Amino acid sequence: MIHDLTVQLVSAWHDTSWTELLAAALALAYVPLAIGQRLSCWSAAFVSSVLYVWVFFSARLYMESLLNAFFAAMAVYGFWRWQHGKGGGELHVTRWPVARHALALLGIVAAAAVNAFFLARFTPAANPFIDSMLTWASVFTTFLVARKVYENWYWWLVIDSLSLCLYFTRHLYLTMLLYGVYVILCLVGMREWRRSLPAKGNTHTGSYAAG
């Protein structure tokens, strides 16, 4: 099986378009920049997302294509948010309560179910429910990154793991490898952003969550 996968990857590398190669390279650069809380991460995210709109549309992953259009818009918002912070001050890493994340998950499942119904009925979309779930979960998680909410890394860990499997089924092997790297970087992100959390007794979570 490993030999067959290697052969497929080598073949896919030769067949991969320059659009996907550049999109993957910029998407990969985004994560270390985000881990380091560098403002330039949003520039990489914007260009990569625009390129991936076309890549996923060509692969008939319509929700993934739409998601990347959203990512491009969120890159603009994230750049502005990180640059100006809350009330014009520095934007700090904070945490959200479990109840808020649970409520978000329920909303994501509901939205995905509606999306999947229409995709399955009116389009030749591949894996409509999984595609929709990943789309709505990524929408929410990108918002968490833009607001520097620490738990975004837990969300991305699950999303990236599922995405890796999805892209394998659609023969997007280079992007599959990219998401394998993402899984590892999520663990690094958890560690690095944890160091930026305020000390106990001096947390910003309560006031930030309402912002």
C-alpha atoms as a PDB file:
ATOM      1  CA  MET A   1       0.000   0.000   0.000  1.00  0.00           C
ATOM      2  CA  ILE A   2       2.850   2.382   0.848  1.00  0.00           C
ATOM      3  CA  HIS A   3       4.477   1.604  -2.498  1.00  0.00           C
ATOM      4  CA  ASP A   4       1.224   2.308  -4.361  1.00  0.00           C
ATOM      5  CA  LEU A   5       0.784   5.605  -2.512  1.00  0.00           C
ATOM      6  CA  THR A   6       4.361   6.605  -3.337  1.00  0.00           C
ATOM      7  CA  VAL A   7       3.783   5.881  -7.025  1.00  0.00           C
ATOM      8  CA  GLN A   8       0.565   7.916  -6.938  1.00  0.00           C
ATOM      9  CA  LEU A   9       2.313  10.831  -5.232  1.00  0.00           C
ATOM     10  CA  VAL A  10       5.143  10.874  -7.776  1.00  0.00           C
ATOM     11  CA  SER A  11       2.627  10.751 -10.615  1.00  0.00           C
ATOM     12  CA  ALA A  12       0.513  13.451  -8.984  1.00  0.00           C
ATOM     13  CA  TRP A  13       3.553  15.685  -8.564  1.00  0.00           C
ATOM     14  CA  HIS A  14       4.106  15.671 -12.331  1.00  0.00           C
ATOM     15  CA  ASP A  15       0.407  16.340 -12.958  1.00  0.00           C
ATOM     16  CA  THR A  16       0.050  19.098 -10.356  1.00  0.00           C
ATOM     17  CA  SER A  17      -0.641  22.532 -11.795  1.00  0.00           C
ATOM     18  CA  TRP A  18       1.469  25.552 -10.955  1.00  0.00           C
ATOM     19  CA  THR A  19      -1.658  27.091  -9.473  1.00  0.00           C
ATOM     20  CA  GLU A  20      -1.960  24.327  -6.880  1.00  0.00           C
ATOM     21  CA  LEU A  21       1.799  24.347  -6.215  1.00  0.00           C
ATOM     22  CA  LEU A  22       1.845  28.086  -5.488  1.00  0.00           C
ATOM     23  CA  ALA A  23      -1.380  27.911  -3.487  1.00  0.00           C
ATOM     24  CA  ALA A  24       0.016  25.069  -1.369  1.00  0.00           C
ATOM     25  CA  ALA A  25       3.345  26.849  -0.796  1.00  0.00           C
ATOM     26  CA  LEU A  26       1.657  30.036   0.404  1.00  0.00           C
ATOM     27  CA  ALA A  27      -0.841  28.090   2.497  1.00  0.00           C
ATOM     28  CA  LEU A  28       2.054  26.266   4.144  1.00  0.00           C
ATOM     29  CA  ALA A  29       3.872  29.547   4.805  1.00  0.00           C
ATOM     30  CA  TYR A  30       0.746  30.974   6.438  1.00  0.00           C
ATOM     31  CA  VAL A  31       0.716  28.610   9.400  1.00  0.00           C
ATOM     32  CA  PRO A  32       4.242  29.233  10.802  1.00  0.00           C
ATOM     33  CA  LEU A  33       3.618  32.963  10.344  1.00  0.00           C
ATOM     34  CA  ALA A  34       0.329  32.643  12.241  1.00  0.00           C
ATOM     35  CA  ILE A  35       2.001  30.603  14.976  1.00  0.00           C
ATOM     36  CA  GLY A  36       4.499  33.434  15.371  1.00  0.00           C
ATOM     37  CA  GLN A  37       1.596  35.916  15.320  1.00  0.00           C
ATOM     38  CA  ARG A  38       3.148  37.710  12.321  1.00  0.00           C
ATOM     39  CA  LEU A  39       0.863  40.112  10.470  1.00  0.00           C
ATOM     40  CA  SER A  40       2.247  38.905   7.131  1.00  0.00           C
ATOM     41  CA  CYS A  41       0.426  35.580   7.613  1.00  0.00           C
ATOM     42  CA  TRP A  42      -2.722  37.238   6.296  1.00  0.00           C
ATOM     43  CA  SER A  43      -1.035  38.320   3.048  1.00  0.00           C
ATOM     44  CA  ALA A  44       0.027  34.726   2.387  1.00  0.00           C
ATOM     45  CA  ALA A  45      -3.469  33.543   3.276  1.00  0.00           C
ATOM     46  CA  PHE A  46      -5.127  35.979   0.884  1.00  0.00           C
ATOM     47  CA  VAL A  47      -3.131  34.999  -2.210  1.00  0.00           C
ATOM     48  CA  SER A  48      -3.283  31.282  -1.408  1.00  0.00           C
ATOM     49  CA  SER A  49      -7.048  31.399  -0.908  1.00  0.00           C
ATOM     50  CA  VAL A  50      -7.666  33.163  -4.198  1.00  0.00           C
ATOM     51  CA  LEU A  51      -5.665  30.487  -6.025  1.00  0.00           C
ATOM     52  CA  TYR A  52      -7.424  27.642  -4.204  1.00  0.00           C
ATOM     53  CA  VAL A  53     -10.830  28.954  -5.290  1.00  0.00           C
ATOM     54  CA  TRP A  54      -9.957  27.757  -8.789  1.00  0.00           C
ATOM     55  CA  VAL A  55      -8.186  24.547  -7.696  1.00  0.00           C
ATOM     56  CA  PHE A  56     -11.147  23.245  -5.684  1.00  0.00           C
ATOM     57  CA  PHE A  57     -13.747  24.368  -8.195  1.00  0.00           C
ATOM     58  CA  SER A  58     -11.943  22.324 -10.834  1.00  0.00           C
ATOM     59  CA  ALA A  59     -12.035  19.313  -8.472  1.00  0.00           C
ATOM     60  CA  ARG A  60     -15.829  19.759  -8.008  1.00  0.00           C
ATOM     61  CA  LEU A  61     -15.398  20.527  -4.300  1.00  0.00           C
ATOM     62  CA  TYR A  62     -17.737  23.483  -4.557  1.00  0.00           C
ATOM     63  CA  MET A  63     -18.064  24.239  -0.863  1.00  0.00           C
ATOM     64  CA  GLU A  64     -14.283  24.118  -0.485  1.00  0.00           C
ATOM     65  CA  SER A  65     -14.019  26.579  -3.372  1.00  0.00           C
ATOM     66  CA  LEU A  66     -16.573  28.884  -1.760  1.00  0.00           C
ATOM     67  CA  LEU A  67     -14.774  28.478   1.551  1.00  0.00           C
ATOM     68  CA  ASN A  68     -11.551  29.798   0.056  1.00  0.00           C
ATOM     69  CA  ALA A  69     -13.366  32.845  -1.280  1.00  0.00           C
ATOM     70  CA  PHE A  70     -14.420  33.424   2.322  1.00  0.00           C
ATOM     71  CA  PHE A  71     -10.831  32.846   3.477  1.00  0.00           C
ATOM     72  CA  ALA A  72      -9.660  35.607   1.149  1.00  0.00           C
ATOM     73  CA  ALA A  73     -12.180  38.005   2.695  1.00  0.00           C
ATOM     74  CA  MET A  74     -11.249  36.849   6.203  1.00  0.00           C
ATOM     75  CA  ALA A  75      -7.567  37.455   5.414  1.00  0.00           C
ATOM     76  CA  VAL A  76      -8.429  41.112   4.905  1.00  0.00           C
ATOM     77  CA  TYR A  77     -10.406  41.161   8.167  1.00  0.00           C
ATOM     78  CA  GLY A  78      -7.675  39.281  10.051  1.00  0.00           C
ATOM     79  CA  PHE A  79      -5.018  41.695   8.829  1.00  0.00           C
ATOM     80  CA  TRP A  80      -7.076  44.654  10.017  1.00  0.00           C
ATOM     81  CA  ARG A  81      -7.985  42.984  13.340  1.00  0.00           C
ATOM     82  CA  TRP A  82      -4.427  41.989  14.223  1.00  0.00           C
ATOM     83  CA  GLN A  83      -3.122  45.395  13.201  1.00  0.00           C
ATOM     84  CA  HIS A  84      -5.611  47.433  15.226  1.00  0.00           C
ATOM     85  CA  GLY A  85      -6.517  45.019  18.039  1.00  0.00           C
ATOM     86  CA  LYS A  86      -9.378  45.630  20.429  1.00  0.00           C
ATOM     87  CA  GLY A  87     -10.155  49.328  20.791  1.00  0.00           C
ATOM     88  CA  GLY A  88      -7.020  50.190  18.831  1.00  0.00           C
ATOM     89  CA  GLY A  89      -4.730  48.399  21.313  1.00  0.00           C
ATOM     90  CA  GLU A  90      -2.726  45.190  21.040  1.00  0.00           C
ATOM     91  CA  LEU A  91      -4.752  42.057  20.324  1.00  0.00           C
ATOM     92  CA  HIS A  92      -3.961  39.367  22.919  1.00  0.00           C
ATOM     93  CA  VAL A  93      -4.457  35.594  22.783  1.00  0.00           C
ATOM     94  CA  THR A  94      -7.531  34.654  24.823  1.00  0.00           C
ATOM     95  CA  ARG A  95      -9.785  31.648  25.500  1.00  0.00           C
ATOM     96  CA  TRP A  96     -13.470  31.021  25.006  1.00  0.00           C
ATOM     97  CA  PRO A  97     -15.620  28.849  27.336  1.00  0.00           C
ATOM     98  CA  VAL A  98     -16.487  25.280  26.332  1.00  0.00           C
ATOM     99  CA  ALA A  99     -20.190  26.139  26.158  1.00  0.00           C
ATOM    100  CA  ARG A 100     -19.562  28.674  23.415  1.00  0.00           C
ATOM    101  CA  HIS A 101     -17.626  26.139  21.344  1.00  0.00           C
ATOM    102  CA  ALA A 102     -20.352  23.502  21.881  1.00  0.00           C
ATOM    103  CA  LEU A 103     -22.987  25.942  20.664  1.00  0.00           C
ATOM    104  CA  ALA A 104     -20.859  26.692  17.613  1.00  0.00           C
ATOM    105  CA  LEU A 105     -20.561  22.964  16.872  1.00  0.00           C
ATOM    106  CA  LEU A 106     -24.345  22.558  16.917  1.00  0.00           C
ATOM    107  CA  GLY A 107     -24.688  25.475  14.521  1.00  0.00           C
ATOM    108  CA  ILE A 108     -22.035  23.987  12.228  1.00  0.00           C
ATOM    109  CA  VAL A 109     -23.795  20.599  12.082  1.00  0.00           C
ATOM    110  CA  ALA A 110     -27.143  22.256  11.314  1.00  0.00           C
ATOM    111  CA  ALA A 111     -25.684  24.465   8.577  1.00  0.00           C
ATOM    112  CA  ALA A 112     -23.789  21.510   7.084  1.00  0.00           C
ATOM    113  CA  ALA A 113     -26.933  19.377   6.956  1.00  0.00           C
ATOM    114  CA  VAL A 114     -28.811  22.072   5.024  1.00  0.00           C
ATOM    115  CA  ASN A 115     -25.852  22.638   2.693  1.00  0.00           C
ATOM    116  CA  ALA A 116     -25.381  18.939   2.064  1.00  0.00           C
ATOM    117  CA  PHE A 117     -29.039  18.515   1.114  1.00  0.00           C
ATOM    118  CA  PHE A 118     -28.870  21.181  -1.578  1.00  0.00           C
ATOM    119  CA  LEU A 119     -25.455  20.070  -2.844  1.00  0.00           C
ATOM    120  CA  ALA A 120     -26.593  16.459  -3.174  1.00  0.00           C
ATOM    121  CA  ARG A 121     -29.825  17.492  -4.882  1.00  0.00           C
ATOM    122  CA  PHE A 122     -28.607  20.131  -7.311  1.00  0.00           C
ATOM    123  CA  THR A 123     -24.883  19.517  -7.926  1.00  0.00           C
ATOM    124  CA  PRO A 124     -22.493  16.614  -8.640  1.00  0.00           C
ATOM    125  CA  ALA A 125     -20.572  17.520  -5.471  1.00  0.00           C
ATOM    126  CA  ALA A 126     -18.270  14.898  -3.976  1.00  0.00           C
ATOM    127  CA  ASN A 127     -18.930  13.973  -0.308  1.00  0.00           C
ATOM    128  CA  PRO A 128     -21.481  16.784   0.216  1.00  0.00           C
ATOM    129  CA  PHE A 129     -21.959  16.421   4.000  1.00  0.00           C
ATOM    130  CA  ILE A 130     -18.258  16.110   4.861  1.00  0.00           C
ATOM    131  CA  ASP A 131     -17.439  18.928   2.443  1.00  0.00           C
ATOM    132  CA  SER A 132     -20.109  21.110   4.069  1.00  0.00           C
ATOM    133  CA  MET A 133     -19.026  20.249   7.612  1.00  0.00           C
ATOM    134  CA  LEU A 134     -15.425  21.144   6.869  1.00  0.00           C
ATOM    135  CA  THR A 135     -16.542  24.356   5.203  1.00  0.00           C
ATOM    136  CA  TRP A 136     -18.661  25.658   8.073  1.00  0.00           C
ATOM    137  CA  ALA A 137     -16.176  24.493  10.718  1.00  0.00           C
ATOM    138  CA  SER A 138     -13.395  26.297   8.861  1.00  0.00           C
ATOM    139  CA  VAL A 139     -15.504  29.454   8.621  1.00  0.00           C
ATOM    140  CA  PHE A 140     -15.904  29.487  12.385  1.00  0.00           C
ATOM    141  CA  THR A 141     -12.290  28.554  13.078  1.00  0.00           C
ATOM    142  CA  THR A 142     -10.898  31.233  10.777  1.00  0.00           C
ATOM    143  CA  PHE A 143     -12.911  33.753  12.768  1.00  0.00           C
ATOM    144  CA  LEU A 144     -11.273  32.386  15.944  1.00  0.00           C
ATOM    145  CA  VAL A 145      -7.817  32.918  14.422  1.00  0.00           C
ATOM    146  CA  ALA A 146      -8.700  36.473  13.425  1.00  0.00           C
ATOM    147  CA  ARG A 147      -9.739  37.115  17.033  1.00  0.00           C
ATOM    148  CA  LYS A 148      -6.696  35.228  18.436  1.00  0.00           C
ATOM    149  CA  VAL A 149      -8.792  32.694  20.331  1.00  0.00           C
ATOM    150  CA  TYR A 150      -6.480  29.925  21.563  1.00  0.00           C
ATOM    151  CA  GLU A 151      -8.883  27.041  20.925  1.00  0.00           C
ATOM    152  CA  ASN A 152      -8.656  27.580  17.178  1.00  0.00           C
ATOM    153  CA  TRP A 153      -5.783  25.085  17.173  1.00  0.00           C
ATOM    154  CA  TYR A 154      -8.002  22.281  18.520  1.00  0.00           C
ATOM    155  CA  TRP A 155     -10.579  22.998  15.840  1.00  0.00           C
ATOM    156  CA  TRP A 156      -7.934  23.058  13.107  1.00  0.00           C
ATOM    157  CA  LEU A 157      -6.467  19.755  14.323  1.00  0.00           C
ATOM    158  CA  VAL A 158      -9.786  17.989  13.696  1.00  0.00           C
ATOM    159  CA  ILE A 159     -10.556  19.884  10.483  1.00  0.00           C
ATOM    160  CA  ASP A 160      -7.131  19.277   8.956  1.00  0.00           C
ATOM    161  CA  SER A 161      -7.188  15.572   9.811  1.00  0.00           C
ATOM    162  CA  LEU A 162     -10.564  15.116   8.085  1.00  0.00           C
ATOM    163  CA  SER A 163      -9.512  17.300   5.154  1.00  0.00           C
ATOM    164  CA  LEU A 164      -6.431  15.139   4.621  1.00  0.00           C
ATOM    165  CA  CYS A 165      -8.678  12.104   4.128  1.00  0.00           C
ATOM    166  CA  LEU A 166     -11.076  14.018   1.847  1.00  0.00           C
ATOM    167  CA  TYR A 167      -8.321  15.269  -0.460  1.00  0.00           C
ATOM    168  CA  PHE A 168      -6.918  11.769  -0.729  1.00  0.00           C
ATOM    169  CA  THR A 169     -10.256  10.555  -2.118  1.00  0.00           C
ATOM    170  CA  ARG A 170     -10.208  13.414  -4.680  1.00  0.00           C
ATOM    171  CA  HIS A 171      -6.601  12.642  -5.738  1.00  0.00           C
ATOM    172  CA  LEU A 172      -5.297  16.048  -4.587  1.00  0.00           C
ATOM    173  CA  TYR A 173      -2.155  14.439  -3.222  1.00  0.00           C
ATOM    174  CA  LEU A 174      -0.011  17.535  -2.880  1.00  0.00           C
ATOM    175  CA  THR A 175      -2.737  19.265  -0.905  1.00  0.00           C
ATOM    176  CA  MET A 176      -3.186  16.082   1.138  1.00  0.00           C
ATOM    177  CA  LEU A 177       0.494  16.232   2.117  1.00  0.00           C
ATOM    178  CA  LEU A 178       0.076  19.918   2.943  1.00  0.00           C
ATOM    179  CA  TYR A 179      -2.695  19.081   5.389  1.00  0.00           C
ATOM    180  CA  GLY A 180      -0.550  16.363   6.919  1.00  0.00           C
ATOM    181  CA  VAL A 181       2.002  19.072   7.707  1.00  0.00           C
ATOM    182  CA  TYR A 182      -0.832  21.240   9.035  1.00  0.00           C
ATOM    183  CA  VAL A 183      -1.718  18.549  11.578  1.00  0.00           C
ATOM    184  CA  ILE A 184       1.821  18.699  12.948  1.00  0.00           C
ATOM    185  CA  LEU A 185       1.864  22.510  12.920  1.00  0.00           C
ATOM    186  CA  CYS A 186      -1.394  22.576  14.891  1.00  0.00           C
ATOM    187  CA  LEU A 187       0.420  20.899  17.766  1.00  0.00           C
ATOM    188  CA  VAL A 188       3.188  23.478  17.512  1.00  0.00           C
ATOM    189  CA  GLY A 189       0.605  26.265  17.435  1.00  0.00           C
ATOM    190  CA  MET A 190      -1.033  24.972  20.609  1.00  0.00           C
ATOM    191  CA  ARG A 191       2.282  25.078  22.415  1.00  0.00           C
ATOM    192  CA  GLU A 192       3.343  28.507  21.168  1.00  0.00           C
ATOM    193  CA  TRP A 193       0.023  30.293  21.685  1.00  0.00           C
ATOM    194  CA  ARG A 194      -0.309  28.765  25.149  1.00  0.00           C
ATOM    195  CA  ARG A 195       2.761  30.775  26.123  1.00  0.00           C
ATOM    196  CA  SER A 196       0.949  33.957  25.093  1.00  0.00           C
ATOM    197  CA  LEU A 197      -2.083  33.302  27.268  1.00  0.00           C
ATOM    198  CA  PRO A 198      -2.484  35.678  30.224  1.00  0.00           C
ATOM    199  CA  ALA A 199      -1.507  34.331  33.627  1.00  0.00           C
ATOM    200  CA  LYS A 200      -4.295  32.955  35.803  1.00  0.00           C
ATOM    201  CA  GLY A 201      -5.995  35.713  37.695  1.00  0.00           C
ATOM    202  CA  ASN A 202      -5.216  38.159  34.895  1.00  0.00           C
ATOM    203  CA  THR A 203      -7.267  36.671  32.019  1.00  0.00           C
ATOM    204  CA  HIS A 204      -8.897  38.683  29.267  1.00  0.00           C
ATOM    205  CA  THR A 205     -11.350  35.919  28.397  1.00  0.00           C
ATOM    206  CA  GLY A 206     -14.451  37.370  30.026  1.00  0.00           C
ATOM    207  CA  SER A 207     -14.239  40.854  28.551  1.00  0.00           C
ATOM    208  CA  TYR A 208     -12.980  39.598  25.197  1.00  0.00           C
ATOM    209  CA  ALA A 209     -15.694  37.022  24.735  1.00  0.00           C
ATOM    210  CA  ALA A 210     -18.260  39.778  24.787  1.00  0.00           C
ATOM    211  CA  GLY A 211     -16.341  41.870  22.266  1.00  0.00           C
END
